Amino acid sequence: MIRLPARTRSQGERAAISFTSYVGFWLAMKKPKIDEKLTLLADFGETEAICAEVLDNPATEEGVLLKVMARGPFERGQQVWIVDRDGSKIGATVESVSQQTIDSEVTLSTVLPA
């Protein structure tokens, strides 16, 4: 068995890796399409959601309102994570909850990259 010496990265290399990880995070998350499945992570655990509507948020310049159908005890003002397929997360705030049947129509406010 041949062992190679462990490679240590310079401070510049470590900074470049952090920067590319950060940029990759923002590039990975895009505006969802209607009927696209989303994974939400909240304080009660992980739940699946289906995107019902995507709107521009008039309250913030780059903000987006996502109306989704999801199950779970959502409450106005609650913070949740939208989890992308690659595992990256973006924060969102529950703006409103409308109980339908077993599912709820949840409006999420977030800022997604263009």
PDB file of N, CA and C in Angstrom:
ATOM      1  N   MET A   1       0.840  -1.169   0.000  1.00  0.00           N
ATOM      2  CA  MET A   1       0.000   0.000   0.000  1.00  0.00           C
ATOM      3  C   MET A   1       0.891   1.240   0.000  1.00  0.00           C
ATOM      4  N   ILE A   2       0.598   2.158  -0.890  1.00  0.00           N
ATOM      5  CA  ILE A   2       1.372   3.386  -0.995  1.00  0.00           C
ATOM      6  C   ILE A   2       0.554   4.522  -0.410  1.00  0.00           C
ATOM      7  N   ARG A   3       1.159   5.265   0.475  1.00  0.00           N
ATOM      8  CA  ARG A   3       0.481   6.415   1.072  1.00  0.00           C
ATOM      9  C   ARG A   3       1.126   7.689   0.567  1.00  0.00           C
ATOM     10  N   LEU A   4       0.294   8.579   0.126  1.00  0.00           N
ATOM     11  CA  LEU A   4       0.786   9.875  -0.302  1.00  0.00           C
ATOM     12  C   LEU A   4       0.649  10.858   0.847  1.00  0.00           C
ATOM     13  N   PRO A   5       1.535  11.827   0.918  1.00  0.00           N
ATOM     14  CA  PRO A   5       1.408  12.798   2.007  1.00  0.00           C
ATOM     15  C   PRO A   5       0.112  13.601   1.863  1.00  0.00           C
ATOM     16  N   ALA A   6      -0.463  13.938   2.978  1.00  0.00           N
ATOM     17  CA  ALA A   6      -1.700  14.726   2.971  1.00  0.00           C
ATOM     18  C   ALA A   6      -1.412  16.102   2.382  1.00  0.00           C
ATOM     19  N   ARG A   7      -2.305  16.559   1.552  1.00  0.00           N
ATOM     20  CA  ARG A   7      -2.119  17.856   0.906  1.00  0.00           C
ATOM     21  C   ARG A   7      -2.848  18.919   1.713  1.00  0.00           C
ATOM     22  N   THR A   8      -2.149  19.953   2.051  1.00  0.00           N
ATOM     23  CA  THR A   8      -2.787  21.079   2.726  1.00  0.00           C
ATOM     24  C   THR A   8      -2.988  22.185   1.711  1.00  0.00           C
ATOM     25  N   ARG A   9      -4.100  22.834   1.812  1.00  0.00           N
ATOM     26  CA  ARG A   9      -4.428  23.904   0.865  1.00  0.00           C
ATOM     27  C   ARG A   9      -3.994  25.249   1.422  1.00  0.00           C
ATOM     28  N   SER A  10      -3.584  26.114   0.520  1.00  0.00           N
ATOM     29  CA  SER A  10      -3.224  27.469   0.922  1.00  0.00           C
ATOM     30  C   SER A  10      -4.494  28.225   1.287  1.00  0.00           C
ATOM     31  N   GLN A  11      -4.313  29.360   1.934  1.00  0.00           N
ATOM     32  CA  GLN A  11      -5.457  30.173   2.322  1.00  0.00           C
ATOM     33  C   GLN A  11      -6.236  30.609   1.083  1.00  0.00           C
ATOM     34  N   GLY A  12      -5.548  30.940  -0.002  1.00  0.00           N
ATOM     35  CA  GLY A  12      -6.217  31.350  -1.240  1.00  0.00           C
ATOM     36  C   GLY A  12      -7.037  30.223  -1.838  1.00  0.00           C
ATOM     37  N   GLU A  13      -6.510  28.997  -1.809  1.00  0.00           N
ATOM     38  CA  GLU A  13      -7.259  27.846  -2.331  1.00  0.00           C
ATOM     39  C   GLU A  13      -8.511  27.577  -1.499  1.00  0.00           C
ATOM     40  N   ARG A  14      -8.363  27.692  -0.169  1.00  0.00           N
ATOM     41  CA  ARG A  14      -9.530  27.486   0.696  1.00  0.00           C
ATOM     42  C   ARG A  14     -10.592  28.549   0.430  1.00  0.00           C
ATOM     43  N   ALA A  15     -10.192  29.795   0.233  1.00  0.00           N
ATOM     44  CA  ALA A  15     -11.143  30.872  -0.058  1.00  0.00           C
ATOM     45  C   ALA A  15     -11.844  30.623  -1.386  1.00  0.00           C
ATOM     46  N   ALA A  16     -11.105  30.133  -2.393  1.00  0.00           N
ATOM     47  CA  ALA A  16     -11.703  29.856  -3.699  1.00  0.00           C
ATOM     48  C   ALA A  16     -12.740  28.752  -3.589  1.00  0.00           C
ATOM     49  N   ILE A  17     -12.456  27.734  -2.790  1.00  0.00           N
ATOM     50  CA  ILE A  17     -13.409  26.642  -2.604  1.00  0.00           C
ATOM     51  C   ILE A  17     -14.659  27.164  -1.910  1.00  0.00           C
ATOM     52  N   SER A  18     -14.498  27.987  -0.879  1.00  0.00           N
ATOM     53  CA  SER A  18     -15.659  28.548  -0.189  1.00  0.00           C
ATOM     54  C   SER A  18     -16.483  29.396  -1.135  1.00  0.00           C
ATOM     55  N   PHE A  19     -15.830  30.223  -1.946  1.00  0.00           N
ATOM     56  CA  PHE A  19     -16.546  31.087  -2.869  1.00  0.00           C
ATOM     57  C   PHE A  19     -17.317  30.271  -3.897  1.00  0.00           C
ATOM     58  N   THR A  20     -16.692  29.231  -4.471  1.00  0.00           N
ATOM     59  CA  THR A  20     -17.394  28.432  -5.478  1.00  0.00           C
ATOM     60  C   THR A  20     -18.542  27.662  -4.847  1.00  0.00           C
ATOM     61  N   SER A  21     -18.405  27.231  -3.618  1.00  0.00           N
ATOM     62  CA  SER A  21     -19.519  26.564  -2.940  1.00  0.00           C
ATOM     63  C   SER A  21     -20.672  27.532  -2.763  1.00  0.00           C
ATOM     64  N   TYR A  22     -20.358  28.760  -2.383  1.00  0.00           N
ATOM     65  CA  TYR A  22     -21.385  29.782  -2.179  1.00  0.00           C
ATOM     66  C   TYR A  22     -22.073  30.115  -3.495  1.00  0.00           C
ATOM     67  N   VAL A  23     -21.297  30.321  -4.568  1.00  0.00           N
ATOM     68  CA  VAL A  23     -21.880  30.636  -5.872  1.00  0.00           C
ATOM     69  C   VAL A  23     -22.714  29.457  -6.365  1.00  0.00           C
ATOM     70  N   GLY A  24     -22.217  28.245  -6.200  1.00  0.00           N
ATOM     71  CA  GLY A  24     -22.963  27.061  -6.609  1.00  0.00           C
ATOM     72  C   GLY A  24     -24.298  26.967  -5.905  1.00  0.00           C
ATOM     73  N   PHE A  25     -24.332  27.364  -4.630  1.00  0.00           N
ATOM     74  CA  PHE A  25     -25.576  27.353  -3.872  1.00  0.00           C
ATOM     75  C   PHE A  25     -26.608  28.262  -4.537  1.00  0.00           C
ATOM     76  N   TRP A  26     -26.209  29.476  -4.894  1.00  0.00           N
ATOM     77  CA  TRP A  26     -27.152  30.424  -5.474  1.00  0.00           C
ATOM     78  C   TRP A  26     -27.539  30.065  -6.894  1.00  0.00           C
ATOM     79  N   LEU A  27     -26.610  29.456  -7.647  1.00  0.00           N
ATOM     80  CA  LEU A  27     -26.933  29.082  -9.016  1.00  0.00           C
ATOM     81  C   LEU A  27     -27.835  27.864  -9.077  1.00  0.00           C
ATOM     82  N   ALA A  28     -27.782  27.030  -8.054  1.00  0.00           N
ATOM     83  CA  ALA A  28     -28.552  25.787  -8.065  1.00  0.00           C
ATOM     84  C   ALA A  28     -30.049  26.030  -7.924  1.00  0.00           C
ATOM     85  N   MET A  29     -30.435  26.991  -7.110  1.00  0.00           N
ATOM     86  CA  MET A  29     -31.839  27.229  -6.831  1.00  0.00           C
ATOM     87  C   MET A  29     -32.423  28.178  -7.879  1.00  0.00           C
ATOM     88  N   LYS A  30     -33.441  27.722  -8.586  1.00  0.00           N
ATOM     89  CA  LYS A  30     -34.113  28.536  -9.600  1.00  0.00           C
ATOM     90  C   LYS A  30     -35.585  28.650  -9.244  1.00  0.00           C
ATOM     91  N   LYS A  31     -36.284  29.553  -9.935  1.00  0.00           N
ATOM     92  CA  LYS A  31     -37.720  29.664  -9.714  1.00  0.00           C
ATOM     93  C   LYS A  31     -38.375  28.342 -10.084  1.00  0.00           C
ATOM     94  N   PRO A  32     -39.181  27.798  -9.187  1.00  0.00           N
ATOM     95  CA  PRO A  32     -39.872  26.549  -9.529  1.00  0.00           C
ATOM     96  C   PRO A  32     -40.980  26.804 -10.544  1.00  0.00           C
ATOM     97  N   LYS A  33     -41.355  25.763 -11.225  1.00  0.00           N
ATOM     98  CA  LYS A  33     -42.452  25.836 -12.185  1.00  0.00           C
ATOM     99  C   LYS A  33     -43.715  25.309 -11.520  1.00  0.00           C
ATOM    100  N   ILE A  34     -44.862  25.680 -12.069  1.00  0.00           N
ATOM    101  CA  ILE A  34     -46.131  25.196 -11.538  1.00  0.00           C
ATOM    102  C   ILE A  34     -46.171  23.672 -11.653  1.00  0.00           C
ATOM    103  N   ASP A  35     -46.669  23.017 -10.644  1.00  0.00           N
ATOM    104  CA  ASP A  35     -46.761  21.562 -10.494  1.00  0.00           C
ATOM    105  C   ASP A  35     -45.423  20.902 -10.179  1.00  0.00           C
ATOM    106  N   GLU A  36     -44.373  21.684  -9.978  1.00  0.00           N
ATOM    107  CA  GLU A  36     -43.078  21.105  -9.601  1.00  0.00           C
ATOM    108  C   GLU A  36     -43.107  20.722  -8.130  1.00  0.00           C
ATOM    109  N   LYS A  37     -42.522  19.580  -7.822  1.00  0.00           N
ATOM    110  CA  LYS A  37     -42.448  19.122  -6.437  1.00  0.00           C
ATOM    111  C   LYS A  37     -41.296  19.826  -5.736  1.00  0.00           C
ATOM    112  N   LEU A  38     -41.559  20.256  -4.497  1.00  0.00           N
ATOM    113  CA  LEU A  38     -40.558  20.905  -3.665  1.00  0.00           C
ATOM    114  C   LEU A  38     -40.463  20.163  -2.343  1.00  0.00           C
ATOM    115  N   THR A  39     -39.315  20.247  -1.723  1.00  0.00           N
ATOM    116  CA  THR A  39     -39.142  19.705  -0.383  1.00  0.00           C
ATOM    117  C   THR A  39     -38.972  20.877   0.562  1.00  0.00           C
ATOM    118  N   LEU A  40     -39.781  20.912   1.605  1.00  0.00           N
ATOM    119  CA  LEU A  40     -39.706  21.964   2.608  1.00  0.00           C
ATOM    120  C   LEU A  40     -39.206  21.368   3.908  1.00  0.00           C
ATOM    121  N   LEU A  41     -38.350  22.097   4.584  1.00  0.00           N
ATOM    122  CA  LEU A  41     -37.830  21.672   5.879  1.00  0.00           C
ATOM    123  C   LEU A  41     -38.250  22.720   6.903  1.00  0.00           C
ATOM    124  N   ALA A  42     -39.033  22.291   7.880  1.00  0.00           N
ATOM    125  CA  ALA A  42     -39.531  23.199   8.918  1.00  0.00           C
ATOM    126  C   ALA A  42     -39.181  22.615  10.283  1.00  0.00           C
ATOM    127  N   ASP A  43     -39.556  23.330  11.330  1.00  0.00           N
ATOM    128  CA  ASP A  43     -39.246  22.846  12.677  1.00  0.00           C
ATOM    129  C   ASP A  43     -39.956  21.534  13.006  1.00  0.00           C
ATOM    130  N   PHE A  44     -41.022  21.197  12.291  1.00  0.00           N
ATOM    131  CA  PHE A  44     -41.723  19.935  12.527  1.00  0.00           C
ATOM    132  C   PHE A  44     -41.172  18.801  11.658  1.00  0.00           C
ATOM    133  N   GLY A  45     -40.209  19.090  10.799  1.00  0.00           N
ATOM    134  CA  GLY A  45     -39.595  18.066   9.956  1.00  0.00           C
ATOM    135  C   GLY A  45     -39.690  18.404   8.482  1.00  0.00           C
ATOM    136  N   GLU A  46     -39.438  17.409   7.658  1.00  0.00           N
ATOM    137  CA  GLU A  46     -39.431  17.583   6.207  1.00  0.00           C
ATOM    138  C   GLU A  46     -40.793  17.194   5.632  1.00  0.00           C
ATOM    139  N   THR A  47     -41.248  17.943   4.630  1.00  0.00           N
ATOM    140  CA  THR A  47     -42.515  17.637   3.982  1.00  0.00           C
ATOM    141  C   THR A  47     -42.421  17.974   2.499  1.00  0.00           C
ATOM    142  N   GLU A  48     -43.203  17.283   1.711  1.00  0.00           N
ATOM    143  CA  GLU A  48     -43.248  17.535   0.268  1.00  0.00           C
ATOM    144  C   GLU A  48     -44.315  18.578  -0.020  1.00  0.00           C
ATOM    145  N   ALA A  49     -44.075  19.367  -1.058  1.00  0.00           N
ATOM    146  CA  ALA A  49     -45.034  20.394  -1.469  1.00  0.00           C
ATOM    147  C   ALA A  49     -45.094  20.413  -2.989  1.00  0.00           C
ATOM    148  N   ILE A  50     -46.193  20.912  -3.516  1.00  0.00           N
ATOM    149  CA  ILE A  50     -46.357  21.084  -4.960  1.00  0.00           C
ATOM    150  C   ILE A  50     -46.581  22.565  -5.220  1.00  0.00           C
ATOM    151  N   CYS A  51     -45.781  23.122  -6.121  1.00  0.00           N
ATOM    152  CA  CYS A  51     -45.887  24.543  -6.445  1.00  0.00           C
ATOM    153  C   CYS A  51     -47.175  24.802  -7.221  1.00  0.00           C
ATOM    154  N   ALA A  52     -47.997  25.720  -6.729  1.00  0.00           N
ATOM    155  CA  ALA A  52     -49.271  26.038  -7.371  1.00  0.00           C
ATOM    156  C   ALA A  52     -49.216  27.368  -8.118  1.00  0.00           C
ATOM    157  N   GLU A  53     -48.356  28.290  -7.659  1.00  0.00           N
ATOM    158  CA  GLU A  53     -48.292  29.612  -8.282  1.00  0.00           C
ATOM    159  C   GLU A  53     -46.967  30.269  -7.915  1.00  0.00           C
ATOM    160  N   VAL A  54     -46.388  31.030  -8.850  1.00  0.00           N
ATOM    161  CA  VAL A  54     -45.151  31.778  -8.623  1.00  0.00           C
ATOM    162  C   VAL A  54     -45.430  33.235  -8.989  1.00  0.00           C
ATOM    163  N   LEU A  55     -45.246  34.139  -8.019  1.00  0.00           N
ATOM    164  CA  LEU A  55     -45.539  35.558  -8.224  1.00  0.00           C
ATOM    165  C   LEU A  55     -44.356  36.414  -7.780  1.00  0.00           C
ATOM    166  N   ASP A  56     -44.211  37.591  -8.375  1.00  0.00           N
ATOM    167  CA  ASP A  56     -43.238  38.558  -7.873  1.00  0.00           C
ATOM    168  C   ASP A  56     -43.795  39.152  -6.589  1.00  0.00           C
ATOM    169  N   ASN A  57     -42.909  39.356  -5.615  1.00  0.00           N
ATOM    170  CA  ASN A  57     -43.318  39.922  -4.340  1.00  0.00           C
ATOM    171  C   ASN A  57     -43.203  41.444  -4.421  1.00  0.00           C
ATOM    172  N   PRO A  58     -44.310  42.165  -4.370  1.00  0.00           N
ATOM    173  CA  PRO A  58     -44.247  43.625  -4.483  1.00  0.00           C
ATOM    174  C   PRO A  58     -43.558  44.289  -3.290  1.00  0.00           C
ATOM    175  N   ALA A  59     -43.403  43.575  -2.187  1.00  0.00           N
ATOM    176  CA  ALA A  59     -42.793  44.145  -0.986  1.00  0.00           C
ATOM    177  C   ALA A  59     -41.268  44.226  -1.078  1.00  0.00           C
ATOM    178  N   THR A  60     -40.660  43.380  -1.896  1.00  0.00           N
ATOM    179  CA  THR A  60     -39.203  43.388  -2.051  1.00  0.00           C
ATOM    180  C   THR A  60     -38.848  43.361  -3.526  1.00  0.00           C
ATOM    181  N   GLU A  61     -37.741  44.002  -3.853  1.00  0.00           N
ATOM    182  CA  GLU A  61     -37.361  44.160  -5.256  1.00  0.00           C
ATOM    183  C   GLU A  61     -37.116  42.827  -5.964  1.00  0.00           C
ATOM    184  N   GLU A  62     -36.397  41.921  -5.337  1.00  0.00           N
ATOM    185  CA  GLU A  62     -36.068  40.640  -5.965  1.00  0.00           C
ATOM    186  C   GLU A  62     -36.856  39.482  -5.358  1.00  0.00           C
ATOM    187  N   GLY A  63     -37.865  39.801  -4.556  1.00  0.00           N
ATOM    188  CA  GLY A  63     -38.596  38.775  -3.843  1.00  0.00           C
ATOM    189  C   GLY A  63     -39.581  38.013  -4.708  1.00  0.00           C
ATOM    190  N   VAL A  64     -39.875  36.808  -4.245  1.00  0.00           N
ATOM    191  CA  VAL A  64     -40.805  35.919  -4.935  1.00  0.00           C
ATOM    192  C   VAL A  64     -41.790  35.375  -3.910  1.00  0.00           C
ATOM    193  N   LEU A  65     -43.040  35.266  -4.316  1.00  0.00           N
ATOM    194  CA  LEU A  65     -44.046  34.592  -3.505  1.00  0.00           C
ATOM    195  C   LEU A  65     -44.352  33.261  -4.162  1.00  0.00           C
ATOM    196  N   LEU A  66     -44.243  32.191  -3.413  1.00  0.00           N
ATOM    197  CA  LEU A  66     -44.559  30.855  -3.912  1.00  0.00           C
ATOM    198  C   LEU A  66     -45.795  30.355  -3.183  1.00  0.00           C
ATOM    199  N   LYS A  67     -46.832  30.023  -3.924  1.00  0.00           N
ATOM    200  CA  LYS A  67     -47.999  29.380  -3.327  1.00  0.00           C
ATOM    201  C   LYS A  67     -47.823  27.891  -3.558  1.00  0.00           C
ATOM    202  N   VAL A  68     -47.820  27.140  -2.476  1.00  0.00           N
ATOM    203  CA  VAL A  68     -47.618  25.701  -2.560  1.00  0.00           C
ATOM    204  C   VAL A  68     -48.725  24.983  -1.810  1.00  0.00           C
ATOM    205  N   MET A  69     -48.971  23.745  -2.204  1.00  0.00           N
ATOM    206  CA  MET A  69     -49.872  22.865  -1.461  1.00  0.00           C
ATOM    207  C   MET A  69     -48.977  21.919  -0.667  1.00  0.00           C
ATOM    208  N   ALA A  70     -49.171  21.899   0.634  1.00  0.00           N
ATOM    209  CA  ALA A  70     -48.309  21.090   1.490  1.00  0.00           C
ATOM    210  C   ALA A  70     -49.085  20.626   2.713  1.00  0.00           C
ATOM    211  N   ARG A  71     -48.548  19.613   3.367  1.00  0.00           N
ATOM    212  CA  ARG A  71     -49.119  19.107   4.610  1.00  0.00           C
ATOM    213  C   ARG A  71     -48.202  19.478   5.751  1.00  0.00           C
ATOM    214  N   GLY A  72     -48.810  19.829   6.850  1.00  0.00           N
ATOM    215  CA  GLY A  72     -48.022  20.149   8.028  1.00  0.00           C
ATOM    216  C   GLY A  72     -48.632  21.308   8.796  1.00  0.00           C
ATOM    217  N   PRO A  73     -48.206  21.481  10.023  1.00  0.00           N
ATOM    218  CA  PRO A  73     -48.737  22.547  10.874  1.00  0.00           C
ATOM    219  C   PRO A  73     -48.031  23.885  10.615  1.00  0.00           C
ATOM    220  N   PHE A  74     -48.247  24.470   9.433  1.00  0.00           N
ATOM    221  CA  PHE A  74     -47.619  25.743   9.094  1.00  0.00           C
ATOM    222  C   PHE A  74     -48.322  26.885   9.806  1.00  0.00           C
ATOM    223  N   GLU A  75     -47.545  27.908  10.177  1.00  0.00           N
ATOM    224  CA  GLU A  75     -48.086  29.090  10.835  1.00  0.00           C
ATOM    225  C   GLU A  75     -47.496  30.331  10.193  1.00  0.00           C
ATOM    226  N   ARG A  76     -48.291  31.389  10.137  1.00  0.00           N
ATOM    227  CA  ARG A  76     -47.825  32.655   9.574  1.00  0.00           C
ATOM    228  C   ARG A  76     -46.592  33.133  10.348  1.00  0.00           C
ATOM    229  N   GLY A  77     -45.556  33.583   9.599  1.00  0.00           N
ATOM    230  CA  GLY A  77     -44.323  34.067  10.212  1.00  0.00           C
ATOM    231  C   GLY A  77     -43.270  32.983  10.438  1.00  0.00           C
ATOM    232  N   GLN A  78     -43.638  31.735  10.262  1.00  0.00           N
ATOM    233  CA  GLN A  78     -42.721  30.616  10.466  1.00  0.00           C
ATOM    234  C   GLN A  78     -41.612  30.638   9.415  1.00  0.00           C
ATOM    235  N   GLN A  79     -40.403  30.289   9.829  1.00  0.00           N
ATOM    236  CA  GLN A  79     -39.271  30.193   8.917  1.00  0.00           C
ATOM    237  C   GLN A  79     -39.131  28.749   8.447  1.00  0.00           C
ATOM    238  N   VAL A  80     -38.965  28.556   7.140  1.00  0.00           N
ATOM    239  CA  VAL A  80     -38.772  27.227   6.566  1.00  0.00           C
ATOM    240  C   VAL A  80     -37.624  27.281   5.574  1.00  0.00           C
ATOM    241  N   TRP A  81     -37.141  26.116   5.188  1.00  0.00           N
ATOM    242  CA  TRP A  81     -36.116  25.980   4.156  1.00  0.00           C
ATOM    243  C   TRP A  81     -36.737  25.291   2.954  1.00  0.00           C
ATOM    244  N   ILE A  82     -36.418  25.794   1.764  1.00  0.00           N
ATOM    245  CA  ILE A  82     -36.754  25.095   0.532  1.00  0.00           C
ATOM    246  C   ILE A  82     -35.485  24.346   0.158  1.00  0.00           C
ATOM    247  N   VAL A  83     -35.577  23.019   0.054  1.00  0.00           N
ATOM    248  CA  VAL A  83     -34.402  22.184  -0.209  1.00  0.00           C
ATOM    249  C   VAL A  83     -34.393  21.802  -1.681  1.00  0.00           C
ATOM    250  N   ASP A  84     -33.287  22.120  -2.370  1.00  0.00           N
ATOM    251  CA  ASP A  84     -33.153  21.794  -3.780  1.00  0.00           C
ATOM    252  C   ASP A  84     -32.703  20.344  -3.927  1.00  0.00           C
ATOM    253  N   ARG A  85     -32.779  19.821  -5.148  1.00  0.00           N
ATOM    254  CA  ARG A  85     -32.411  18.417  -5.405  1.00  0.00           C
ATOM    255  C   ARG A  85     -30.982  18.102  -4.983  1.00  0.00           C
ATOM    256  N   ASP A  86     -30.081  19.089  -5.119  1.00  0.00           N
ATOM    257  CA  ASP A  86     -28.680  18.840  -4.771  1.00  0.00           C
ATOM    258  C   ASP A  86     -28.400  19.042  -3.280  1.00  0.00           C
ATOM    259  N   GLY A  87     -29.448  19.329  -2.513  1.00  0.00           N
ATOM    260  CA  GLY A  87     -29.295  19.483  -1.070  1.00  0.00           C
ATOM    261  C   GLY A  87     -29.099  20.914  -0.614  1.00  0.00           C
ATOM    262  N   SER A  88     -28.928  21.856  -1.544  1.00  0.00           N
ATOM    263  CA  SER A  88     -28.782  23.251  -1.141  1.00  0.00           C
ATOM    264  C   SER A  88     -30.126  23.757  -0.605  1.00  0.00           C
ATOM    265  N   LYS A  89     -30.053  24.747   0.267  1.00  0.00           N
ATOM    266  CA  LYS A  89     -31.260  25.257   0.924  1.00  0.00           C
ATOM    267  C   LYS A  89     -31.340  26.762   0.763  1.00  0.00           C
ATOM    268  N   ILE A  90     -32.565  27.258   0.711  1.00  0.00           N
ATOM    269  CA  ILE A  90     -32.796  28.696   0.714  1.00  0.00           C
ATOM    270  C   ILE A  90     -33.932  28.972   1.687  1.00  0.00           C
ATOM    271  N   GLY A  91     -33.775  30.006   2.475  1.00  0.00           N
ATOM    272  CA  GLY A  91     -34.760  30.323   3.493  1.00  0.00           C
ATOM    273  C   GLY A  91     -36.007  30.967   2.922  1.00  0.00           C
ATOM    274  N   ALA A  92     -37.117  30.751   3.597  1.00  0.00           N
ATOM    275  CA  ALA A  92     -38.391  31.343   3.207  1.00  0.00           C
ATOM    276  C   ALA A  92     -39.215  31.595   4.464  1.00  0.00           C
ATOM    277  N   THR A  93     -40.142  32.537   4.346  1.00  0.00           N
ATOM    278  CA  THR A  93     -41.045  32.865   5.449  1.00  0.00           C
ATOM    279  C   THR A  93     -42.474  32.558   5.027  1.00  0.00           C
ATOM    280  N   VAL A  94     -43.237  31.937   5.915  1.00  0.00           N
ATOM    281  CA  VAL A  94     -44.642  31.655   5.638  1.00  0.00           C
ATOM    282  C   VAL A  94     -45.416  32.963   5.779  1.00  0.00           C
ATOM    283  N   GLU A  95     -46.013  33.410   4.679  1.00  0.00           N
ATOM    284  CA  GLU A  95     -46.798  34.648   4.667  1.00  0.00           C
ATOM    285  C   GLU A  95     -48.256  34.392   5.026  1.00  0.00           C
ATOM    286  N   SER A  96     -48.811  33.289   4.535  1.00  0.00           N
ATOM    287  CA  SER A  96     -50.201  32.962   4.861  1.00  0.00           C
ATOM    288  C   SER A  96     -50.425  31.468   4.713  1.00  0.00           C
ATOM    289  N   VAL A  97     -51.443  30.986   5.419  1.00  0.00           N
ATOM    290  CA  VAL A  97     -51.818  29.578   5.367  1.00  0.00           C
ATOM    291  C   VAL A  97     -53.330  29.517   5.218  1.00  0.00           C
ATOM    292  N   SER A  98     -53.786  28.766   4.220  1.00  0.00           N
ATOM    293  CA  SER A  98     -55.212  28.588   4.001  1.00  0.00           C
ATOM    294  C   SER A  98     -55.498  27.092   4.001  1.00  0.00           C
ATOM    295  N   GLN A  99     -56.266  26.633   4.976  1.00  0.00           N
ATOM    296  CA  GLN A  99     -56.572  25.214   5.085  1.00  0.00           C
ATOM    297  C   GLN A  99     -57.552  24.811   3.990  1.00  0.00           C
ATOM    298  N   GLN A 100     -57.220  23.818   3.224  1.00  0.00           N
ATOM    299  CA  GLN A 100     -58.104  23.312   2.172  1.00  0.00           C
ATOM    300  C   GLN A 100     -58.764  22.034   2.669  1.00  0.00           C
ATOM    301  N   THR A 101     -58.102  20.919   2.522  1.00  0.00           N
ATOM    302  CA  THR A 101     -58.582  19.638   3.045  1.00  0.00           C
ATOM    303  C   THR A 101     -57.518  19.176   4.024  1.00  0.00           C
ATOM    304  N   ILE A 102     -56.901  18.064   3.735  1.00  0.00           N
ATOM    305  CA  ILE A 102     -55.773  17.627   4.561  1.00  0.00           C
ATOM    306  C   ILE A 102     -54.535  18.447   4.220  1.00  0.00           C
ATOM    307  N   ASP A 103     -54.509  18.993   2.990  1.00  0.00           N
ATOM    308  CA  ASP A 103     -53.425  19.855   2.548  1.00  0.00           C
ATOM    309  C   ASP A 103     -53.766  21.310   2.842  1.00  0.00           C
ATOM    310  N   SER A 104     -52.746  22.139   2.922  1.00  0.00           N
ATOM    311  CA  SER A 104     -52.928  23.574   3.112  1.00  0.00           C
ATOM    312  C   SER A 104     -52.299  24.315   1.958  1.00  0.00           C
ATOM    313  N   GLU A 105     -52.893  25.447   1.577  1.00  0.00           N
ATOM    314  CA  GLU A 105     -52.255  26.325   0.613  1.00  0.00           C
ATOM    315  C   GLU A 105     -51.382  27.266   1.424  1.00  0.00           C
ATOM    316  N   VAL A 106     -50.082  27.177   1.215  1.00  0.00           N
ATOM    317  CA  VAL A 106     -49.116  27.946   1.983  1.00  0.00           C
ATOM    318  C   VAL A 106     -48.443  28.929   1.038  1.00  0.00           C
ATOM    319  N   THR A 107     -48.419  30.210   1.403  1.00  0.00           N
ATOM    320  CA  THR A 107     -47.714  31.214   0.611  1.00  0.00           C
ATOM    321  C   THR A 107     -46.387  31.485   1.290  1.00  0.00           C
ATOM    322  N   LEU A 108     -45.295  31.254   0.548  1.00  0.00           N
ATOM    323  CA  LEU A 108     -43.947  31.456   1.048  1.00  0.00           C
ATOM    324  C   LEU A 108     -43.341  32.681   0.393  1.00  0.00           C
ATOM    325  N   SER A 109     -42.630  33.467   1.171  1.00  0.00           N
ATOM    326  CA  SER A 109     -41.919  34.636   0.669  1.00  0.00           C
ATOM    327  C   SER A 109     -40.436  34.336   0.738  1.00  0.00           C
ATOM    328  N   THR A 110     -39.733  34.519  -0.388  1.00  0.00           N
ATOM    329  CA  THR A 110     -38.304  34.247  -0.436  1.00  0.00           C
ATOM    330  C   THR A 110     -37.660  35.105  -1.513  1.00  0.00           C
ATOM    331  N   VAL A 111     -36.349  35.072  -1.573  1.00  0.00           N
ATOM    332  CA  VAL A 111     -35.592  35.742  -2.629  1.00  0.00           C
ATOM    333  C   VAL A 111     -34.791  34.664  -3.339  1.00  0.00           C
ATOM    334  N   LEU A 112     -35.116  34.447  -4.610  1.00  0.00           N
ATOM    335  CA  LEU A 112     -34.410  33.458  -5.423  1.00  0.00           C
ATOM    336  C   LEU A 112     -33.538  34.187  -6.436  1.00  0.00           C
ATOM    337  N   PRO A 113     -32.427  33.584  -6.847  1.00  0.00           N
ATOM    338  CA  PRO A 113     -31.592  34.233  -7.859  1.00  0.00           C
ATOM    339  C   PRO A 113     -32.330  34.303  -9.190  1.00  0.00           C
ATOM    340  N   ALA A 114     -31.958  35.288  -9.982  1.00  0.00           N
ATOM    341  CA  ALA A 114     -32.618  35.484 -11.287  1.00  0.00           C
ATOM    342  C   ALA A 114     -32.393  34.344 -12.229  1.00  0.00           C
TER     343      ALA A 114
END
